[in-house]
PDB file of N, CA and C in Angstrom:
ATOM      1  N   MET A   1      -5.614  12.471   6.126  1.00  0.00           N
ATOM      2  CA  MET A   1      -5.930  12.821   4.860  1.00  0.00           C
ATOM      3  C   MET A   1      -6.707  11.952   4.146  1.00  0.00           C
ATOM      4  N   ASN A   2      -7.720  12.303   3.299  1.00  0.00           N
ATOM      5  CA  ASN A   2      -8.523  11.331   2.830  1.00  0.00           C
ATOM      6  C   ASN A   2      -8.434  11.470   1.204  1.00  0.00           C
ATOM      7  N   LYS A   3      -8.601  10.999   0.660  1.00  0.00           N
ATOM      8  CA  LYS A   3      -8.554  10.766  -1.350  1.00  0.00           C
ATOM      9  C   LYS A   3      -8.990  11.994  -1.673  1.00  0.00           C
ATOM     10  N   SER A   4     -10.128  12.624  -1.329  1.00  0.00           N
ATOM     11  CA  SER A   4     -10.703  14.154  -1.970  1.00  0.00           C
ATOM     12  C   SER A   4      -9.574  15.110  -1.523  1.00  0.00           C
ATOM     13  N   GLU A   5      -9.021  15.153  -0.479  1.00  0.00           N
ATOM     14  CA  GLU A   5      -7.998  16.076  -0.001  1.00  0.00           C
ATOM     15  C   GLU A   5      -6.890  15.904  -0.856  1.00  0.00           C
ATOM     16  N   LEU A   6      -6.302  14.569  -1.043  1.00  0.00           N
ATOM     17  CA  LEU A   6      -5.218  14.181  -1.691  1.00  0.00           C
ATOM     18  C   LEU A   6      -5.335  14.737  -3.176  1.00  0.00           C
ATOM     19  N   VAL A   7      -6.516  14.273  -3.905  1.00  0.00           N
ATOM     20  CA  VAL A   7      -6.779  14.959  -5.128  1.00  0.00           C
ATOM     21  C   VAL A   7      -6.624  16.454  -5.459  1.00  0.00           C
ATOM     22  N   GLN A   8      -7.176  17.397  -4.448  1.00  0.00           N
ATOM     23  CA  GLN A   8      -7.125  18.676  -4.162  1.00  0.00           C
ATOM     24  C   GLN A   8      -5.581  19.122  -3.989  1.00  0.00           C
ATOM     25  N   GLN A   9      -4.790  18.394  -3.214  1.00  0.00           N
ATOM     26  CA  GLN A   9      -3.299  18.691  -2.959  1.00  0.00           C
ATOM     27  C   GLN A   9      -2.603  18.344  -4.263  1.00  0.00           C
ATOM     28  N   LEU A  10      -2.694  17.548  -4.957  1.00  0.00           N
ATOM     29  CA  LEU A  10      -2.180  17.043  -6.403  1.00  0.00           C
ATOM     30  C   LEU A  10      -2.834  18.078  -7.442  1.00  0.00           C
ATOM     31  N   ARG A  11      -4.046  18.511  -7.570  1.00  0.00           N
ATOM     32  CA  ARG A  11      -4.296  19.297  -8.255  1.00  0.00           C
ATOM     33  C   ARG A  11      -3.697  20.867  -8.295  1.00  0.00           C
ATOM     34  N   ASP A  12      -3.644  21.264  -6.905  1.00  0.00           N
ATOM     35  CA  ASP A  12      -2.965  22.610  -6.713  1.00  0.00           C
ATOM     36  C   ASP A  12      -1.542  22.647  -7.068  1.00  0.00           C
ATOM     37  N   ARG A  13      -0.474  21.578  -6.559  1.00  0.00           N
ATOM     38  CA  ARG A  13       0.747  21.624  -6.815  1.00  0.00           C
ATOM     39  C   ARG A  13       0.919  21.311  -8.140  1.00  0.00           C
ATOM     40  N   ALA A  14       0.544  20.236  -8.912  1.00  0.00           N
ATOM     41  CA  ALA A  14       0.688  20.017 -10.120  1.00  0.00           C
ATOM     42  C   ALA A  14       0.041  20.903 -11.397  1.00  0.00           C
ATOM     43  N   GLY A  15      -0.919  21.731 -10.871  1.00  0.00           N
ATOM     44  CA  GLY A  15      -1.493  22.458 -11.775  1.00  0.00           C
ATOM     45  C   GLY A  15      -2.685  21.740 -12.921  1.00  0.00           C
ATOM     46  N   LEU A  16      -3.204  20.331 -12.275  1.00  0.00           N
ATOM     47  CA  LEU A  16      -3.881  20.002 -13.290  1.00  0.00           C
ATOM     48  C   LEU A  16      -5.515  19.916 -12.803  1.00  0.00           C
ATOM     49  N   SER A  17      -6.063  19.581 -13.666  1.00  0.00           N
ATOM     50  CA  SER A  17      -7.727  19.752 -13.561  1.00  0.00           C
ATOM     51  C   SER A  17      -8.121  18.868 -12.372  1.00  0.00           C
ATOM     52  N   ARG A  18      -9.029  18.940 -11.724  1.00  0.00           N
ATOM     53  CA  ARG A  18      -9.627  17.915 -10.591  1.00  0.00           C
ATOM     54  C   ARG A  18     -10.041  16.586 -11.421  1.00  0.00           C
ATOM     55  N   ALA A  19     -10.310  16.493 -12.460  1.00  0.00           N
ATOM     56  CA  ALA A  19     -10.539  15.284 -13.113  1.00  0.00           C
ATOM     57  C   ALA A  19      -9.299  14.243 -13.420  1.00  0.00           C
ATOM     58  N   ASP A  20      -8.258  15.125 -13.657  1.00  0.00           N
ATOM     59  CA  ASP A  20      -7.047  14.655 -14.022  1.00  0.00           C
ATOM     60  C   ASP A  20      -6.330  14.210 -13.101  1.00  0.00           C
ATOM     61  N   ALA A  21      -6.324  14.888 -11.929  1.00  0.00           N
ATOM     62  CA  ALA A  21      -5.766  14.582 -10.335  1.00  0.00           C
ATOM     63  C   ALA A  21      -6.507  13.366  -9.997  1.00  0.00           C
ATOM     64  N   SER A  22      -7.804  13.235 -10.031  1.00  0.00           N
ATOM     65  CA  SER A  22      -8.424  11.971  -9.722  1.00  0.00           C
ATOM     66  C   SER A  22      -8.048  10.906 -10.347  1.00  0.00           C
ATOM     67  N   SER A  23      -7.886  10.889 -11.786  1.00  0.00           N
ATOM     68  CA  SER A  23      -7.626   9.863 -12.501  1.00  0.00           C
ATOM     69  C   SER A  23      -6.326   9.495 -12.412  1.00  0.00           C
ATOM     70  N   ALA A  24      -5.284  10.277 -12.011  1.00  0.00           N
ATOM     71  CA  ALA A  24      -3.811   9.974 -11.844  1.00  0.00           C
ATOM     72  C   ALA A  24      -3.822   9.529 -10.520  1.00  0.00           C
ATOM     73  N   ILE A  25      -4.549   9.716  -9.478  1.00  0.00           N
ATOM     74  CA  ILE A  25      -4.568   9.071  -8.116  1.00  0.00           C
ATOM     75  C   ILE A  25      -5.124   7.463  -8.386  1.00  0.00           C
ATOM     76  N   ASP A  26      -6.233   7.261  -9.149  1.00  0.00           N
ATOM     77  CA  ASP A  26      -6.786   6.199  -9.059  1.00  0.00           C
ATOM     78  C   ASP A  26      -6.033   5.081 -10.023  1.00  0.00           C
ATOM     79  N   ALA A  27      -5.016   5.642 -11.016  1.00  0.00           N
ATOM     80  CA  ALA A  27      -4.222   5.095 -11.651  1.00  0.00           C
ATOM     81  C   ALA A  27      -3.206   4.262 -10.612  1.00  0.00           C
ATOM     82  N   LEU A  28      -2.805   5.189  -9.981  1.00  0.00           N
ATOM     83  CA  LEU A  28      -1.699   4.553  -9.010  1.00  0.00           C
ATOM     84  C   LEU A  28      -2.168   3.721  -7.934  1.00  0.00           C
ATOM     85  N   PHE A  29      -3.132   4.160  -7.308  1.00  0.00           N
ATOM     86  CA  PHE A  29      -3.680   3.706  -5.793  1.00  0.00           C
ATOM     87  C   PHE A  29      -4.680   2.617  -5.812  1.00  0.00           C
ATOM     88  N   SER A  30      -5.469   2.625  -6.962  1.00  0.00           N
ATOM     89  CA  SER A  30      -6.907   1.990  -7.182  1.00  0.00           C
ATOM     90  C   SER A  30      -6.612   0.412  -6.736  1.00  0.00           C
ATOM     91  N   ALA A  31      -7.294  -0.485  -5.557  1.00  0.00           N
ATOM     92  CA  ALA A  31      -7.050  -1.414  -5.339  1.00  0.00           C
ATOM     93  C   ALA A  31      -7.580  -2.487  -6.208  1.00  0.00           C
ATOM     94  N   ASN A  32      -8.393  -2.071  -7.122  1.00  0.00           N
ATOM     95  CA  ASN A  32      -8.780  -3.196  -7.914  1.00  0.00           C
ATOM     96  C   ASN A  32      -7.688  -3.175  -9.222  1.00  0.00           C
ATOM     97  N   ASP A  33      -7.552  -2.375  -9.913  1.00  0.00           N
ATOM     98  CA  ASP A  33      -6.612  -1.989 -11.063  1.00  0.00           C
ATOM     99  C   ASP A  33      -5.659  -0.921 -11.261  1.00  0.00           C
ATOM    100  N   GLY A  34      -5.148  -0.504  -9.929  1.00  0.00           N
ATOM    101  CA  GLY A  34      -3.879   0.282  -9.917  1.00  0.00           C
ATOM    102  C   GLY A  34      -2.671  -0.158 -10.246  1.00  0.00           C
ATOM    103  N   ILE A  35      -1.568   0.445 -10.534  1.00  0.00           N
ATOM    104  CA  ILE A  35      -0.589   0.052 -11.081  1.00  0.00           C
ATOM    105  C   ILE A  35       0.234  -0.490  -9.995  1.00  0.00           C
ATOM    106  N   ILE A  36       0.025   0.166  -8.549  1.00  0.00           N
ATOM    107  CA  ILE A  36       0.913  -0.648  -7.326  1.00  0.00           C
ATOM    108  C   ILE A  36       0.094  -1.953  -7.350  1.00  0.00           C
ATOM    109  N   ALA A  37      -1.176  -1.929  -7.031  1.00  0.00           N
ATOM    110  CA  ALA A  37      -1.670  -3.406  -6.717  1.00  0.00           C
ATOM    111  C   ALA A  37      -1.454  -4.302  -7.605  1.00  0.00           C
ATOM    112  N   ARG A  38      -1.361  -3.939  -8.809  1.00  0.00           N
ATOM    113  CA  ARG A  38      -1.403  -4.744 -10.006  1.00  0.00           C
ATOM    114  C   ARG A  38       0.039  -5.513 -10.129  1.00  0.00           C
ATOM    115  N   GLU A  39       1.050  -4.884  -9.762  1.00  0.00           N
ATOM    116  CA  GLU A  39       2.504  -5.056  -9.735  1.00  0.00           C
ATOM    117  C   GLU A  39       2.598  -6.142  -8.231  1.00  0.00           C
ATOM    118  N   LEU A  40       2.176  -5.789  -7.423  1.00  0.00           N
ATOM    119  CA  LEU A  40       1.981  -6.493  -6.165  1.00  0.00           C
ATOM    120  C   LEU A  40       1.415  -7.772  -6.480  1.00  0.00           C
ATOM    121  N   LYS A  41       0.367  -7.996  -6.827  1.00  0.00           N
ATOM    122  CA  LYS A  41      -0.331  -9.226  -7.256  1.00  0.00           C
ATOM    123  C   LYS A  41       0.314  -9.914  -8.093  1.00  0.00           C
ATOM    124  N   SER A  42       1.387  -9.293  -9.122  1.00  0.00           N
ATOM    125  CA  SER A  42       2.312 -10.327  -9.956  1.00  0.00           C
ATOM    126  C   SER A  42       3.414 -10.698  -9.405  1.00  0.00           C
ATOM    127  N   GLY A  43       3.401 -10.185  -8.018  1.00  0.00           N
ATOM    128  CA  GLY A  43       4.802 -10.716  -7.175  1.00  0.00           C
ATOM    129  C   GLY A  43       5.735  -9.793  -7.368  1.00  0.00           C
ATOM    130  N   LYS A  44       5.759  -8.666  -8.110  1.00  0.00           N
ATOM    131  CA  LYS A  44       6.712  -7.700  -8.085  1.00  0.00           C
ATOM    132  C   LYS A  44       6.602  -6.543  -6.836  1.00  0.00           C
ATOM    133  N   LYS A  45       7.848  -5.800  -6.707  1.00  0.00           N
ATOM    134  CA  LYS A  45       7.597  -4.689  -5.803  1.00  0.00           C
ATOM    135  C   LYS A  45       7.772  -3.466  -6.604  1.00  0.00           C
ATOM    136  N   VAL A  46       7.302  -2.480  -5.942  1.00  0.00           N
ATOM    137  CA  VAL A  46       7.372  -1.116  -6.589  1.00  0.00           C
ATOM    138  C   VAL A  46       8.160  -0.161  -5.688  1.00  0.00           C
ATOM    139  N   GLN A  47       9.268   0.253  -6.171  1.00  0.00           N
ATOM    140  CA  GLN A  47      10.354   0.904  -5.490  1.00  0.00           C
ATOM    141  C   GLN A  47      10.448   2.474  -6.035  1.00  0.00           C
ATOM    142  N   ILE A  48      10.067   3.230  -4.788  1.00  0.00           N
ATOM    143  CA  ILE A  48       9.869   4.685  -5.200  1.00  0.00           C
ATOM    144  C   ILE A  48      11.232   5.217  -4.477  1.00  0.00           C
ATOM    145  N   THR A  49      12.210   5.497  -5.253  1.00  0.00           N
ATOM    146  CA  THR A  49      13.682   5.966  -4.581  1.00  0.00           C
ATOM    147  C   THR A  49      13.175   7.331  -3.854  1.00  0.00           C
ATOM    148  N   GLY A  50      13.816   7.298  -2.460  1.00  0.00           N
ATOM    149  CA  GLY A  50      13.473   8.531  -1.608  1.00  0.00           C
ATOM    150  C   GLY A  50      12.234   8.355  -0.651  1.00  0.00           C
ATOM    151  N   PHE A  51      11.216   7.422  -1.187  1.00  0.00           N
ATOM    152  CA  PHE A  51      10.107   7.504  -0.547  1.00  0.00           C
ATOM    153  C   PHE A  51       9.913   6.098   0.107  1.00  0.00           C
ATOM    154  N   GLY A  52       9.733   4.882  -0.749  1.00  0.00           N
ATOM    155  CA  GLY A  52       9.642   3.515  -0.068  1.00  0.00           C
ATOM    156  C   GLY A  52       9.519   2.533  -0.975  1.00  0.00           C
ATOM    157  N   THR A  53       9.207   1.369  -0.296  1.00  0.00           N
ATOM    158  CA  THR A  53       8.934   0.221  -1.329  1.00  0.00           C
ATOM    159  C   THR A  53       7.793  -0.590  -0.653  1.00  0.00           C
ATOM    160  N   PHE A  54       6.650  -1.019  -1.855  1.00  0.00           N
ATOM    161  CA  PHE A  54       5.853  -1.711  -1.651  1.00  0.00           C
ATOM    162  C   PHE A  54       6.035  -2.827  -2.188  1.00  0.00           C
ATOM    163  N   GLU A  55       5.740  -3.867  -1.249  1.00  0.00           N
ATOM    164  CA  GLU A  55       5.900  -5.511  -1.499  1.00  0.00           C
ATOM    165  C   GLU A  55       5.033  -6.004  -1.321  1.00  0.00           C
ATOM    166  N   SER A  56       4.651  -7.468  -1.937  1.00  0.00           N
ATOM    167  CA  SER A  56       3.738  -8.464  -1.127  1.00  0.00           C
ATOM    168  C   SER A  56       4.454  -9.099  -0.136  1.00  0.00           C
ATOM    169  N   LYS A  57       3.822  -9.559   0.790  1.00  0.00           N
ATOM    170  CA  LYS A  57       4.548 -10.503   2.124  1.00  0.00           C
ATOM    171  C   LYS A  57       3.682 -11.616   2.317  1.00  0.00           C
ATOM    172  N   LYS A  58       4.528 -12.659   2.261  1.00  0.00           N
ATOM    173  CA  LYS A  58       3.747 -14.102   2.294  1.00  0.00           C
ATOM    174  C   LYS A  58       3.764 -14.518   3.663  1.00  0.00           C
ATOM    175  N   ARG A  59       2.594 -15.116   4.174  1.00  0.00           N
ATOM    176  CA  ARG A  59       2.718 -15.516   5.656  1.00  0.00           C
ATOM    177  C   ARG A  59       2.509 -17.047   5.635  1.00  0.00           C
ATOM    178  N   GLU A  60       3.487 -17.753   6.267  1.00  0.00           N
ATOM    179  CA  GLU A  60       3.218 -19.074   6.200  1.00  0.00           C
ATOM    180  C   GLU A  60       2.067 -19.648   6.748  1.00  0.00           C
ATOM    181  N   GLY A  61       1.090 -20.650   6.848  1.00  0.00           N
ATOM    182  CA  GLY A  61       0.254 -21.308   7.606  1.00  0.00           C
ATOM    183  C   GLY A  61       0.721 -21.762   8.964  1.00  0.00           C
ATOM    184  N   ARG A  62      -0.434 -21.505   9.938  1.00  0.00           N
ATOM    185  CA  ARG A  62       0.168 -21.827  11.244  1.00  0.00           C
ATOM    186  C   ARG A  62      -0.953 -22.355  11.869  1.00  0.00           C
ATOM    187  N   THR A  63      -0.645 -22.816  13.248  1.00  0.00           N
ATOM    188  CA  THR A  63      -1.714 -22.840  14.310  1.00  0.00           C
ATOM    189  C   THR A  63      -1.825 -21.843  15.220  1.00  0.00           C
ATOM    190  N   GLY A  64      -3.014 -21.533  15.535  1.00  0.00           N
ATOM    191  CA  GLY A  64      -3.354 -20.576  16.422  1.00  0.00           C
ATOM    192  C   GLY A  64      -4.395 -20.931  17.465  1.00  0.00           C
ATOM    193  N   ARG A  65      -4.745 -19.906  18.329  1.00  0.00           N
ATOM    194  CA  ARG A  65      -5.821 -20.478  19.350  1.00  0.00           C
ATOM    195  C   ARG A  65      -6.855 -19.346  19.232  1.00  0.00           C
ATOM    196  N   ASN A  66      -8.085 -20.161  19.276  1.00  0.00           N
ATOM    197  CA  ASN A  66      -9.396 -19.303  19.414  1.00  0.00           C
ATOM    198  C   ASN A  66      -9.451 -18.656  20.735  1.00  0.00           C
ATOM    199  N   PRO A  67      -9.149 -17.151  20.836  1.00  0.00           N
ATOM    200  CA  PRO A  67      -9.069 -16.679  22.339  1.00  0.00           C
ATOM    201  C   PRO A  67     -10.498 -16.622  23.032  1.00  0.00           C
ATOM    202  N   ARG A  68     -11.580 -17.025  22.573  1.00  0.00           N
ATOM    203  CA  ARG A  68     -12.594 -17.451  23.380  1.00  0.00           C
ATOM    204  C   ARG A  68     -12.910 -18.760  24.063  1.00  0.00           C
ATOM    205  N   THR A  69     -12.275 -19.826  23.062  1.00  0.00           N
ATOM    206  CA  THR A  69     -12.635 -21.040  23.627  1.00  0.00           C
ATOM    207  C   THR A  69     -11.260 -21.591  23.901  1.00  0.00           C
ATOM    208  N   GLY A  70      -9.991 -21.196  23.424  1.00  0.00           N
ATOM    209  CA  GLY A  70      -8.652 -21.603  23.692  1.00  0.00           C
ATOM    210  C   GLY A  70      -8.408 -22.858  22.925  1.00  0.00           C
ATOM    211  N   GLN A  71      -9.396 -23.018  21.872  1.00  0.00           N
ATOM    212  CA  GLN A  71      -9.340 -24.416  20.994  1.00  0.00           C
ATOM    213  C   GLN A  71      -8.083 -24.068  19.779  1.00  0.00           C
ATOM    214  N   ALA A  72      -7.322 -24.927  19.391  1.00  0.00           N
ATOM    215  CA  ALA A  72      -6.366 -24.664  18.405  1.00  0.00           C
ATOM    216  C   ALA A  72      -7.432 -24.719  17.144  1.00  0.00           C
ATOM    217  N   ILE A  73      -6.920 -23.852  16.141  1.00  0.00           N
ATOM    218  CA  ILE A  73      -7.250 -23.575  14.736  1.00  0.00           C
ATOM    219  C   ILE A  73      -5.896 -23.553  14.048  1.00  0.00           C
ATOM    220  N   THR A  74      -6.491 -23.955  12.744  1.00  0.00           N
ATOM    221  CA  THR A  74      -5.508 -23.580  11.552  1.00  0.00           C
ATOM    222  C   THR A  74      -5.844 -22.557  10.728  1.00  0.00           C
ATOM    223  N   ILE A  75      -4.534 -21.498  11.008  1.00  0.00           N
ATOM    224  CA  ILE A  75      -4.451 -20.384  10.164  1.00  0.00           C
ATOM    225  C   ILE A  75      -4.072 -20.464   8.672  1.00  0.00           C
ATOM    226  N   ALA A  76      -4.550 -20.397   7.599  1.00  0.00           N
ATOM    227  CA  ALA A  76      -4.296 -20.599   6.363  1.00  0.00           C
ATOM    228  C   ALA A  76      -3.286 -19.445   6.078  1.00  0.00           C
ATOM    229  N   PRO A  77      -2.333 -19.848   4.979  1.00  0.00           N
ATOM    230  CA  PRO A  77      -1.205 -19.137   4.618  1.00  0.00           C
ATOM    231  C   PRO A  77      -1.841 -17.910   3.907  1.00  0.00           C
ATOM    232  N   SER A  78      -1.290 -16.740   3.803  1.00  0.00           N
ATOM    233  CA  SER A  78      -1.860 -15.557   3.148  1.00  0.00           C
ATOM    234  C   SER A  78      -0.720 -14.458   2.666  1.00  0.00           C
ATOM    235  N   THR A  79      -1.236 -13.886   1.994  1.00  0.00           N
ATOM    236  CA  THR A  79      -0.656 -12.862   1.348  1.00  0.00           C
ATOM    237  C   THR A  79      -0.922 -11.398   1.432  1.00  0.00           C
ATOM    238  N   SER A  80      -0.331 -10.571   1.912  1.00  0.00           N
ATOM    239  CA  SER A  80      -0.791  -9.239   1.915  1.00  0.00           C
ATOM    240  C   SER A  80       0.265  -7.828   1.605  1.00  0.00           C
ATOM    241  N   ALA A  81      -0.245  -6.874   1.597  1.00  0.00           N
ATOM    242  CA  ALA A  81       0.802  -5.613   0.707  1.00  0.00           C
ATOM    243  C   ALA A  81       1.374  -5.056   1.949  1.00  0.00           C
ATOM    244  N   GLY A  82       2.751  -5.044   1.858  1.00  0.00           N
ATOM    245  CA  GLY A  82       3.465  -4.297   2.878  1.00  0.00           C
ATOM    246  C   GLY A  82       3.974  -2.874   2.252  1.00  0.00           C
ATOM    247  N   PHE A  83       4.488  -2.147   3.181  1.00  0.00           N
ATOM    248  CA  PHE A  83       5.335  -0.980   2.783  1.00  0.00           C
ATOM    249  C   PHE A  83       6.526  -0.631   3.830  1.00  0.00           C
ATOM    250  N   LYS A  84       7.479  -0.410   2.981  1.00  0.00           N
ATOM    251  CA  LYS A  84       8.828  -0.210   4.037  1.00  0.00           C
ATOM    252  C   LYS A  84       9.336   1.491   3.755  1.00  0.00           C
ATOM    253  N   ALA A  85       9.323   2.414   4.536  1.00  0.00           N
ATOM    254  CA  ALA A  85       9.615   3.488   4.249  1.00  0.00           C
ATOM    255  C   ALA A  85      11.214   3.695   3.855  1.00  0.00           C
ATOM    256  N   GLY A  86      11.156   4.467   2.909  1.00  0.00           N
ATOM    257  CA  GLY A  86      12.529   4.687   2.321  1.00  0.00           C
ATOM    258  C   GLY A  86      13.505   5.915   3.250  1.00  0.00           C
ATOM    259  N   LYS A  87      14.735   5.995   2.932  1.00  0.00           N
ATOM    260  CA  LYS A  87      15.565   6.825   3.558  1.00  0.00           C
ATOM    261  C   LYS A  87      15.208   8.325   3.353  1.00  0.00           C
ATOM    262  N   GLY A  88      14.868   8.604   2.500  1.00  0.00           N
ATOM    263  CA  GLY A  88      14.359  10.269   2.379  1.00  0.00           C
ATOM    264  C   GLY A  88      13.149  10.664   3.197  1.00  0.00           C
ATOM    265  N   LEU A  89      12.365   9.446   3.290  1.00  0.00           N
ATOM    266  CA  LEU A  89      11.058   9.798   4.082  1.00  0.00           C
ATOM    267  C   LEU A  89      11.518   9.500   5.498  1.00  0.00           C
ATOM    268  N   LYS A  90      12.261   8.807   5.871  1.00  0.00           N
ATOM    269  CA  LYS A  90      12.909   8.315   7.240  1.00  0.00           C
ATOM    270  C   LYS A  90      13.656   9.899   7.565  1.00  0.00           C
ATOM    271  N   ASP A  91      14.154  10.123   6.958  1.00  0.00           N
ATOM    272  CA  ASP A  91      15.217  11.350   7.023  1.00  0.00           C
ATOM    273  C   ASP A  91      14.375  12.698   7.452  1.00  0.00           C
ATOM    274  N   PHE A  92      13.132  12.866   6.594  1.00  0.00           N
ATOM    275  CA  PHE A  92      12.219  13.940   6.776  1.00  0.00           C
ATOM    276  C   PHE A  92      11.466  13.891   7.837  1.00  0.00           C
ATOM    277  N   PHE A  93      11.281  12.716   8.592  1.00  0.00           N
ATOM    278  CA  PHE A  93      10.780  12.823   9.934  1.00  0.00           C
ATOM    279  C   PHE A  93      11.772  12.407  11.080  1.00  0.00           C
ATOM    280  N   GLY A  94      13.137  12.399  10.729  1.00  0.00           N
ATOM    281  CA  GLY A  94      14.174  12.479  11.719  1.00  0.00           C
ATOM    282  C   GLY A  94      14.350  11.569  12.496  1.00  0.00           C
ATOM    283  N   ALA A  95      13.809  10.317  11.696  1.00  0.00           N
ATOM    284  CA  ALA A  95      13.957   8.868  12.084  1.00  0.00           C
ATOM    285  C   ALA A  95      15.430   8.536  12.053  1.00  0.00           C
TER     286      ALA A  95
END
Protein backbone atom coordinates (compact mmCIF):
# COMPACT_ATOMS: atom_id res chain seq x y z
CA MET A 1 0.00 0.00 0.00
CA ASN A 2 1.36 3.42 -0.90
CA LYS A 3 0.47 6.82 0.53
CA SER A 4 -2.37 7.57 -1.91
CA GLU A 5 -3.97 4.20 -1.16
CA LEU A 6 -3.63 4.88 2.57
CA VAL A 7 -5.28 8.29 2.11
CA GLN A 8 -8.14 6.62 0.20
CA GLN A 9 -8.65 3.99 2.94
CA LEU A 10 -8.65 6.65 5.68
CA ARG A 11 -11.06 8.79 3.66
CA ASP A 12 -13.48 5.88 3.23
CA ARG A 13 -13.32 4.62 6.82
CA ALA A 14 -13.42 7.97 8.64
CA GLY A 15 -15.72 9.81 6.24
CA LEU A 16 -13.16 12.55 5.65
CA SER A 17 -12.51 14.53 2.51
CA ARG A 18 -9.46 13.51 0.49
CA ALA A 19 -7.65 16.70 1.53
CA ASP A 20 -8.41 16.15 5.23
CA ALA A 21 -7.28 12.52 5.08
CA SER A 22 -4.06 13.53 3.32
CA SER A 23 -3.38 16.26 5.89
CA ALA A 24 -3.93 13.79 8.75
CA ILE A 25 -1.48 11.28 7.24
CA ASP A 26 1.10 14.03 6.64
CA ALA A 27 0.69 15.33 10.20
CA LEU A 28 1.55 11.89 11.57
CA PHE A 29 4.07 10.45 9.16
CA SER A 30 5.90 13.29 7.39
CA ALA A 31 9.65 12.72 7.65
CA ASN A 32 10.38 16.46 7.97
CA ASP A 33 7.79 17.72 10.43
CA GLY A 34 5.44 14.85 11.27
CA ILE A 35 4.44 14.19 14.85
CA ILE A 36 6.20 10.82 15.02
CA ALA A 37 9.45 12.07 13.44
CA ARG A 38 9.56 15.12 15.72
CA GLU A 39 9.10 13.01 18.84
CA LEU A 40 11.78 10.54 17.75
CA LYS A 41 14.22 13.33 16.95
CA SER A 42 13.76 14.76 20.44
CA GLY A 43 14.62 11.35 21.93
CA LYS A 44 11.09 10.39 22.97
CA LYS A 45 9.16 7.33 21.91
CA VAL A 46 5.67 7.10 20.46
CA GLN A 47 3.62 4.24 21.88
CA ILE A 48 0.29 3.33 20.31
CA THR A 49 -1.32 0.76 22.59
CA GLY A 50 -2.19 -2.43 20.74
CA PHE A 51 -0.30 -1.38 17.62
CA GLY A 52 3.32 -0.77 18.53
CA THR A 53 6.10 1.56 19.58
CA PHE A 54 8.27 3.85 17.49
CA GLU A 55 11.59 4.77 19.11
CA SER A 56 15.03 6.08 18.20
CA LYS A 57 17.82 3.56 18.33
CA LYS A 58 21.41 4.63 18.88
CA ARG A 59 24.24 2.60 17.48
CA GLU A 60 27.76 2.93 18.81
CA GLY A 61 30.67 3.66 16.50
CA ARG A 62 32.57 0.56 15.46
CA THR A 63 35.24 -0.81 13.19
CA GLY A 64 34.11 -2.59 10.03
CA ARG A 65 35.68 -3.94 6.88
CA ASN A 66 35.41 -2.73 3.32
CA PRO A 67 34.08 -5.86 1.56
CA ARG A 68 35.92 -5.02 -1.65
CA THR A 69 39.38 -4.41 -0.23
CA GLY A 70 39.20 -6.00 3.21
CA GLN A 71 40.62 -2.79 4.68
CA ALA A 72 39.45 -1.80 8.18
CA ILE A 73 37.19 1.27 8.24
CA THR A 74 35.66 3.29 11.06
CA ILE A 75 31.87 3.40 11.11
CA ALA A 76 30.53 6.49 12.88
CA PRO A 77 27.86 6.31 15.59
CA SER A 78 24.34 6.73 14.22
CA THR A 79 20.73 7.09 15.28
CA SER A 80 17.81 5.59 13.38
CA ALA A 81 14.10 5.02 13.84
CA GLY A 82 12.84 1.65 14.95
CA PHE A 83 9.44 0.04 15.34
CA LYS A 84 8.41 -2.78 17.64
CA ALA A 85 4.99 -4.36 17.06
CA GLY A 86 2.61 -4.36 20.02
CA LYS A 87 0.64 -7.30 21.37
CA GLY A 88 -2.54 -6.46 19.46
CA LEU A 89 -0.73 -6.35 16.12
CA LYS A 90 1.20 -9.54 16.89
CA ASP A 91 -2.02 -11.32 17.89
CA PHE A 92 -3.71 -10.14 14.67
CA PHE A 93 -1.04 -11.98 12.67
CA GLY A 94 -1.09 -15.00 14.97
CA ALA A 95 2.52 -14.57 16.05
